[in-house]
N, C-alpha and C. Protein backbone atom coordinates (compact mmCIF):
# COMPACT_ATOMS: atom_id res chain seq x y z
N MET A 1 55.12 -31.02 61.89
CA MET A 1 55.76 -30.08 60.99
C MET A 1 57.17 -30.55 60.68
N LYS A 2 57.57 -30.38 59.42
CA LYS A 2 58.89 -30.81 58.97
C LYS A 2 59.62 -29.64 58.33
N GLU A 3 60.92 -29.77 58.28
CA GLU A 3 61.75 -28.86 57.48
C GLU A 3 62.97 -29.64 57.05
N THR A 4 63.50 -29.29 55.89
CA THR A 4 64.67 -29.98 55.37
C THR A 4 65.61 -28.97 54.72
N ILE A 5 66.81 -29.43 54.44
CA ILE A 5 67.80 -28.67 53.69
C ILE A 5 68.20 -29.51 52.49
N LEU A 6 68.37 -28.88 51.34
CA LEU A 6 68.74 -29.59 50.13
C LEU A 6 70.07 -30.33 50.35
N PRO A 7 70.09 -31.66 50.16
CA PRO A 7 71.34 -32.41 50.33
C PRO A 7 72.41 -31.95 49.34
N ALA A 8 73.67 -32.03 49.75
CA ALA A 8 74.78 -31.58 48.91
C ALA A 8 75.02 -32.52 47.72
N VAL A 9 74.69 -33.80 47.88
CA VAL A 9 74.88 -34.77 46.80
C VAL A 9 73.57 -35.50 46.53
N ALA A 10 73.45 -36.06 45.34
CA ALA A 10 72.24 -36.78 44.96
C ALA A 10 72.01 -37.98 45.87
N ASP A 11 70.74 -38.23 46.18
CA ASP A 11 70.35 -39.40 46.97
C ASP A 11 70.16 -40.62 46.09
N ALA A 12 69.78 -40.40 44.83
CA ALA A 12 69.43 -41.52 43.95
C ALA A 12 69.32 -41.02 42.52
N LYS A 13 68.95 -41.93 41.62
CA LYS A 13 68.62 -41.60 40.23
C LYS A 13 67.14 -41.90 40.03
N SER A 14 66.47 -41.05 39.28
CA SER A 14 65.08 -41.30 38.95
C SER A 14 65.02 -42.44 37.93
N PRO A 15 63.84 -43.08 37.77
CA PRO A 15 63.72 -44.12 36.74
C PRO A 15 64.03 -43.60 35.33
N ALA A 16 63.84 -42.29 35.10
CA ALA A 16 64.15 -41.71 33.79
C ALA A 16 65.64 -41.41 33.64
N GLY A 17 66.38 -41.29 34.76
CA GLY A 17 67.82 -41.09 34.70
C GLY A 17 68.35 -39.82 35.31
N ALA A 18 67.50 -38.96 35.90
CA ALA A 18 67.97 -37.72 36.53
C ALA A 18 68.58 -38.00 37.90
N ASP A 19 69.54 -37.17 38.31
CA ASP A 19 70.06 -37.21 39.68
C ASP A 19 69.03 -36.52 40.57
N ILE A 20 68.60 -37.19 41.64
CA ILE A 20 67.57 -36.60 42.50
C ILE A 20 68.02 -36.49 43.95
N ARG A 21 67.49 -35.45 44.59
CA ARG A 21 67.70 -35.21 46.01
C ARG A 21 66.32 -35.16 46.66
N PHE A 22 66.12 -35.95 47.69
CA PHE A 22 64.84 -35.96 48.39
C PHE A 22 64.73 -34.71 49.26
N ILE A 23 63.62 -33.98 49.11
CA ILE A 23 63.44 -32.74 49.85
C ILE A 23 62.40 -32.89 50.95
N MET A 24 61.20 -33.42 50.60
CA MET A 24 60.12 -33.46 51.57
C MET A 24 59.19 -34.61 51.21
N ASP A 25 58.58 -35.21 52.24
CA ASP A 25 57.57 -36.23 52.01
C ASP A 25 56.46 -36.08 53.03
N GLY A 26 55.29 -36.58 52.65
CA GLY A 26 54.13 -36.51 53.53
C GLY A 26 53.07 -37.47 53.05
N THR A 27 51.92 -37.43 53.67
CA THR A 27 50.86 -38.38 53.34
C THR A 27 50.22 -38.10 51.98
N THR A 28 50.27 -36.85 51.51
CA THR A 28 49.61 -36.50 50.25
C THR A 28 50.56 -36.42 49.05
N GLY A 29 51.86 -36.42 49.30
CA GLY A 29 52.81 -36.32 48.20
C GLY A 29 54.23 -36.22 48.69
N ASN A 30 55.16 -36.08 47.75
CA ASN A 30 56.55 -35.85 48.11
C ASN A 30 57.19 -34.92 47.08
N MET A 31 58.36 -34.37 47.45
CA MET A 31 59.02 -33.39 46.61
C MET A 31 60.50 -33.74 46.50
N ILE A 32 61.01 -33.62 45.24
CA ILE A 32 62.43 -33.86 44.99
C ILE A 32 63.01 -32.71 44.19
N HIS A 33 64.33 -32.61 44.23
CA HIS A 33 65.09 -31.68 43.40
C HIS A 33 65.81 -32.54 42.37
N SER A 34 65.60 -32.25 41.08
CA SER A 34 66.20 -33.05 40.00
C SER A 34 67.27 -32.25 39.28
N THR A 35 68.35 -32.92 38.89
CA THR A 35 69.43 -32.31 38.12
C THR A 35 69.71 -33.19 36.91
N VAL A 36 69.71 -32.56 35.73
CA VAL A 36 69.97 -33.25 34.47
C VAL A 36 71.20 -32.58 33.85
N PRO A 37 72.32 -33.30 33.70
CA PRO A 37 73.54 -32.70 33.13
C PRO A 37 73.35 -32.25 31.68
N PRO A 38 74.18 -31.31 31.23
CA PRO A 38 74.12 -30.86 29.83
C PRO A 38 74.24 -32.05 28.87
N GLY A 39 73.42 -32.03 27.83
CA GLY A 39 73.46 -33.08 26.82
C GLY A 39 72.70 -34.35 27.16
N ARG A 40 72.23 -34.49 28.40
CA ARG A 40 71.54 -35.71 28.83
C ARG A 40 70.16 -35.78 28.22
N ILE A 41 69.84 -36.95 27.69
CA ILE A 41 68.49 -37.26 27.20
C ILE A 41 68.00 -38.46 28.01
N ASN A 42 67.00 -38.24 28.84
CA ASN A 42 66.52 -39.29 29.71
C ASN A 42 65.55 -40.22 28.98
N ARG A 43 65.26 -41.35 29.62
CA ARG A 43 64.37 -42.35 29.03
C ARG A 43 62.93 -41.88 29.04
N ALA A 44 62.19 -42.19 27.99
CA ALA A 44 60.75 -41.93 27.96
C ALA A 44 60.07 -42.83 28.99
N THR A 45 59.13 -42.24 29.74
CA THR A 45 58.55 -42.90 30.90
C THR A 45 57.05 -42.63 30.95
N ILE A 46 56.33 -43.53 31.61
CA ILE A 46 54.92 -43.33 31.92
C ILE A 46 54.69 -43.83 33.35
N HIS A 47 53.90 -43.10 34.12
CA HIS A 47 53.61 -43.48 35.51
C HIS A 47 52.23 -44.12 35.61
N GLU A 48 52.15 -45.11 36.46
CA GLU A 48 50.91 -45.88 36.61
C GLU A 48 49.90 -45.22 37.54
N THR A 49 50.37 -44.60 38.66
CA THR A 49 49.42 -44.11 39.67
C THR A 49 49.70 -42.70 40.17
N VAL A 50 50.82 -42.09 39.80
CA VAL A 50 51.13 -40.76 40.34
C VAL A 50 51.07 -39.68 39.26
N SER A 51 50.72 -38.49 39.69
CA SER A 51 50.82 -37.28 38.88
C SER A 51 51.97 -36.46 39.41
N GLU A 52 52.54 -35.59 38.55
CA GLU A 52 53.65 -34.74 38.99
C GLU A 52 53.41 -33.30 38.56
N PHE A 53 53.94 -32.39 39.37
CA PHE A 53 54.09 -30.97 39.02
C PHE A 53 55.58 -30.69 39.02
N TRP A 54 56.07 -29.96 38.02
CA TRP A 54 57.48 -29.55 37.95
C TRP A 54 57.56 -28.03 37.92
N TYR A 55 58.62 -27.51 38.55
CA TYR A 55 58.94 -26.08 38.47
C TYR A 55 60.43 -25.97 38.14
N VAL A 56 60.75 -25.31 37.02
CA VAL A 56 62.14 -25.23 36.56
C VAL A 56 62.87 -24.10 37.28
N LEU A 57 64.04 -24.43 37.84
CA LEU A 57 64.87 -23.48 38.57
C LEU A 57 66.00 -22.90 37.72
N GLU A 58 66.69 -23.77 36.97
CA GLU A 58 67.86 -23.37 36.19
C GLU A 58 67.96 -24.21 34.94
N GLY A 59 68.66 -23.67 33.93
CA GLY A 59 68.99 -24.44 32.75
C GLY A 59 68.04 -24.22 31.59
N ASP A 60 68.21 -25.09 30.59
CA ASP A 60 67.43 -25.00 29.36
C ASP A 60 67.18 -26.43 28.88
N GLY A 61 65.93 -26.82 28.85
CA GLY A 61 65.60 -28.17 28.44
C GLY A 61 64.32 -28.22 27.65
N GLU A 62 63.92 -29.43 27.33
CA GLU A 62 62.66 -29.68 26.65
C GLU A 62 62.01 -30.91 27.26
N ILE A 63 60.68 -30.90 27.31
CA ILE A 63 59.94 -32.09 27.74
C ILE A 63 58.87 -32.39 26.71
N TRP A 64 58.80 -33.66 26.30
CA TRP A 64 57.74 -34.16 25.43
C TRP A 64 56.72 -34.85 26.32
N ARG A 65 55.44 -34.54 26.10
CA ARG A 65 54.36 -35.19 26.83
C ARG A 65 53.28 -35.62 25.83
N ARG A 66 52.72 -36.83 26.08
CA ARG A 66 51.65 -37.35 25.23
C ARG A 66 50.60 -38.03 26.09
N ASP A 67 49.34 -37.61 25.87
CA ASP A 67 48.22 -38.30 26.48
C ASP A 67 47.23 -38.65 25.37
N ALA A 68 46.02 -39.03 25.71
CA ALA A 68 45.03 -39.46 24.71
C ALA A 68 44.61 -38.32 23.79
N GLU A 69 44.82 -37.06 24.21
CA GLU A 69 44.34 -35.92 23.43
C GLU A 69 45.42 -35.06 22.81
N GLN A 70 46.63 -35.06 23.38
CA GLN A 70 47.67 -34.15 22.93
C GLN A 70 49.03 -34.84 22.85
N ASP A 71 49.89 -34.25 22.03
CA ASP A 71 51.28 -34.67 21.90
C ASP A 71 52.04 -33.36 21.70
N ARG A 72 52.91 -32.98 22.67
CA ARG A 72 53.57 -31.68 22.56
C ARG A 72 54.94 -31.68 23.21
N VAL A 73 55.77 -30.72 22.77
CA VAL A 73 57.08 -30.46 23.37
C VAL A 73 57.02 -29.06 23.98
N THR A 74 57.46 -28.94 25.22
CA THR A 74 57.46 -27.68 25.96
C THR A 74 58.90 -27.34 26.34
N GLN A 75 59.28 -26.09 26.17
CA GLN A 75 60.60 -25.63 26.59
C GLN A 75 60.64 -25.53 28.11
N LEU A 76 61.70 -26.07 28.71
CA LEU A 76 61.91 -26.01 30.16
C LEU A 76 62.98 -24.96 30.46
N VAL A 77 62.55 -23.80 30.90
CA VAL A 77 63.45 -22.71 31.28
C VAL A 77 63.00 -22.18 32.63
N PRO A 78 63.88 -21.46 33.35
CA PRO A 78 63.51 -20.97 34.67
C PRO A 78 62.16 -20.24 34.68
N GLY A 79 61.34 -20.63 35.66
CA GLY A 79 60.03 -20.04 35.83
C GLY A 79 58.89 -20.83 35.23
N VAL A 80 59.20 -21.82 34.36
CA VAL A 80 58.16 -22.63 33.73
C VAL A 80 57.71 -23.74 34.69
N SER A 81 56.40 -23.95 34.76
CA SER A 81 55.82 -25.07 35.49
C SER A 81 55.06 -25.95 34.50
N ILE A 82 55.12 -27.25 34.71
CA ILE A 82 54.37 -28.19 33.87
C ILE A 82 53.72 -29.25 34.76
N ASP A 83 52.72 -29.92 34.22
CA ASP A 83 52.15 -31.06 34.92
C ASP A 83 52.35 -32.32 34.09
N ILE A 84 52.36 -33.43 34.79
CA ILE A 84 52.41 -34.75 34.15
C ILE A 84 51.31 -35.59 34.81
N PRO A 85 50.09 -35.54 34.25
CA PRO A 85 49.00 -36.33 34.85
C PRO A 85 49.26 -37.83 34.75
N VAL A 86 48.62 -38.59 35.61
CA VAL A 86 48.72 -40.05 35.60
C VAL A 86 48.51 -40.55 34.17
N GLY A 87 49.34 -41.47 33.73
CA GLY A 87 49.18 -42.09 32.42
C GLY A 87 49.72 -41.29 31.25
N THR A 88 50.36 -40.16 31.52
CA THR A 88 50.95 -39.34 30.45
C THR A 88 52.36 -39.83 30.16
N ALA A 89 52.63 -40.13 28.91
CA ALA A 89 54.00 -40.49 28.49
C ALA A 89 54.82 -39.21 28.45
N PHE A 90 56.09 -39.29 28.88
CA PHE A 90 56.94 -38.10 28.84
C PHE A 90 58.40 -38.48 28.70
N GLN A 91 59.16 -37.55 28.14
CA GLN A 91 60.61 -37.68 28.01
C GLN A 91 61.18 -36.27 28.05
N TYR A 92 62.33 -36.11 28.70
CA TYR A 92 62.93 -34.78 28.78
C TYR A 92 64.42 -34.84 28.51
N ARG A 93 64.94 -33.66 28.16
CA ARG A 93 66.37 -33.57 27.84
C ARG A 93 66.88 -32.18 28.18
N ASN A 94 68.17 -32.13 28.43
CA ASN A 94 68.86 -30.86 28.66
C ASN A 94 69.48 -30.43 27.34
N VAL A 95 69.03 -29.29 26.80
CA VAL A 95 69.56 -28.80 25.53
C VAL A 95 70.52 -27.63 25.74
N GLY A 96 70.80 -27.30 27.00
CA GLY A 96 71.67 -26.17 27.32
C GLY A 96 73.08 -26.60 27.68
N GLU A 97 73.86 -25.63 28.16
CA GLU A 97 75.26 -25.86 28.50
C GLU A 97 75.51 -25.94 30.00
N VAL A 98 74.46 -25.80 30.80
CA VAL A 98 74.56 -25.92 32.26
C VAL A 98 73.52 -26.94 32.71
N PRO A 99 73.64 -27.47 33.94
CA PRO A 99 72.66 -28.44 34.41
C PRO A 99 71.24 -27.86 34.39
N LEU A 100 70.29 -28.70 34.01
CA LEU A 100 68.87 -28.39 34.10
C LEU A 100 68.42 -28.82 35.49
N LYS A 101 67.87 -27.88 36.26
CA LYS A 101 67.45 -28.18 37.63
C LYS A 101 65.98 -27.81 37.80
N PHE A 102 65.23 -28.72 38.42
CA PHE A 102 63.82 -28.45 38.66
C PHE A 102 63.34 -29.16 39.93
N ILE A 103 62.26 -28.62 40.48
CA ILE A 103 61.57 -29.23 41.62
C ILE A 103 60.45 -30.08 41.05
N CYS A 104 60.29 -31.28 41.58
CA CYS A 104 59.22 -32.19 41.16
C CYS A 104 58.41 -32.59 42.38
N ILE A 105 57.10 -32.41 42.29
CA ILE A 105 56.19 -32.83 43.35
C ILE A 105 55.36 -33.99 42.81
N SER A 106 55.35 -35.09 43.53
CA SER A 106 54.61 -36.30 43.15
C SER A 106 53.40 -36.44 44.07
N MET A 107 52.23 -36.73 43.46
CA MET A 107 51.00 -36.92 44.22
C MET A 107 50.28 -38.15 43.70
N PRO A 108 49.96 -39.13 44.50
CA PRO A 108 50.36 -39.31 45.89
C PRO A 108 51.87 -39.55 45.99
N PRO A 109 52.37 -39.85 47.18
CA PRO A 109 53.81 -40.07 47.31
C PRO A 109 54.31 -41.17 46.36
N TRP A 110 55.53 -40.99 45.89
CA TRP A 110 56.18 -41.94 44.99
C TRP A 110 56.24 -43.31 45.66
N PRO A 111 55.66 -44.36 45.04
CA PRO A 111 55.63 -45.68 45.68
C PRO A 111 56.89 -46.52 45.47
N GLY A 112 57.76 -46.12 44.54
CA GLY A 112 58.96 -46.89 44.24
C GLY A 112 59.15 -46.96 42.73
N ASP A 113 60.33 -47.39 42.32
CA ASP A 113 60.66 -47.38 40.90
C ASP A 113 59.79 -48.29 40.05
N HIS A 114 59.08 -49.24 40.66
CA HIS A 114 58.14 -50.09 39.91
C HIS A 114 56.99 -49.26 39.33
N GLU A 115 56.80 -48.04 39.81
CA GLU A 115 55.76 -47.12 39.34
C GLU A 115 55.95 -46.73 37.87
N ALA A 116 57.20 -46.67 37.42
CA ALA A 116 57.53 -46.15 36.09
C ALA A 116 57.77 -47.27 35.09
N SER A 117 57.17 -47.12 33.93
CA SER A 117 57.44 -48.00 32.80
C SER A 117 58.09 -47.18 31.71
N HIS A 118 58.92 -47.82 30.89
CA HIS A 118 59.60 -47.11 29.82
C HIS A 118 58.98 -47.45 28.47
N LEU A 119 59.07 -46.51 27.54
CA LEU A 119 58.50 -46.67 26.23
C LEU A 119 59.33 -45.88 25.24
N GLU A 120 58.96 -45.96 23.97
CA GLU A 120 59.64 -45.18 22.93
C GLU A 120 59.22 -43.72 23.05
N GLY A 121 60.19 -42.83 22.98
CA GLY A 121 59.92 -41.40 22.97
C GLY A 121 60.44 -40.80 21.69
N PRO A 122 60.39 -39.48 21.59
CA PRO A 122 60.84 -38.82 20.35
C PRO A 122 62.36 -38.75 20.19
N TRP A 123 63.09 -38.89 21.31
CA TRP A 123 64.54 -38.74 21.27
C TRP A 123 65.21 -40.03 21.74
N GLN A 124 66.39 -40.29 21.20
CA GLN A 124 67.17 -41.46 21.61
C GLN A 124 67.83 -41.16 22.96
N PRO A 125 67.49 -41.91 24.02
CA PRO A 125 68.08 -41.64 25.32
C PRO A 125 69.58 -41.95 25.32
N ASN A 126 70.34 -41.23 26.16
CA ASN A 126 71.76 -41.52 26.30
C ASN A 126 72.13 -41.80 27.75
N VAL A 127 71.13 -42.26 28.52
CA VAL A 127 71.34 -42.65 29.90
C VAL A 127 70.38 -43.77 30.26
N GLY A 128 70.83 -44.68 31.10
CA GLY A 128 69.96 -45.70 31.67
C GLY A 128 69.31 -46.63 30.67
N THR A 129 69.96 -46.90 29.55
CA THR A 129 69.36 -47.76 28.54
C THR A 129 69.84 -49.20 28.64
N SER A 130 70.68 -49.48 29.61
CA SER A 130 71.20 -50.86 29.73
C SER A 130 70.28 -51.73 30.55
């Protein structure tokens, strides 16, 4: 059995550009807390082997997701949950005036930044494009 406390400062940056804090890990998945500053538009990304579930805690954002059947933008506000199945292209941005904060669960556990590839999304990213 494990327990953790949310770290006071970010542990790393996600491949898309969010500030992340590691919360929990295990054999079936892991969980992070993500923070996206106001005005931030992260890089469009696709994952090779992991699926994700997100739960929005604070802020106001948007996420674009595209798979073989759908292409849609979903508003990210407190209480909203979304999924990102394996192979789904996605890009997200903070459209509010406060940080966008959400919990992200990765299944199976995140194998490393080589998992994520970048592609063209609907919005011009303003982070991590170098």
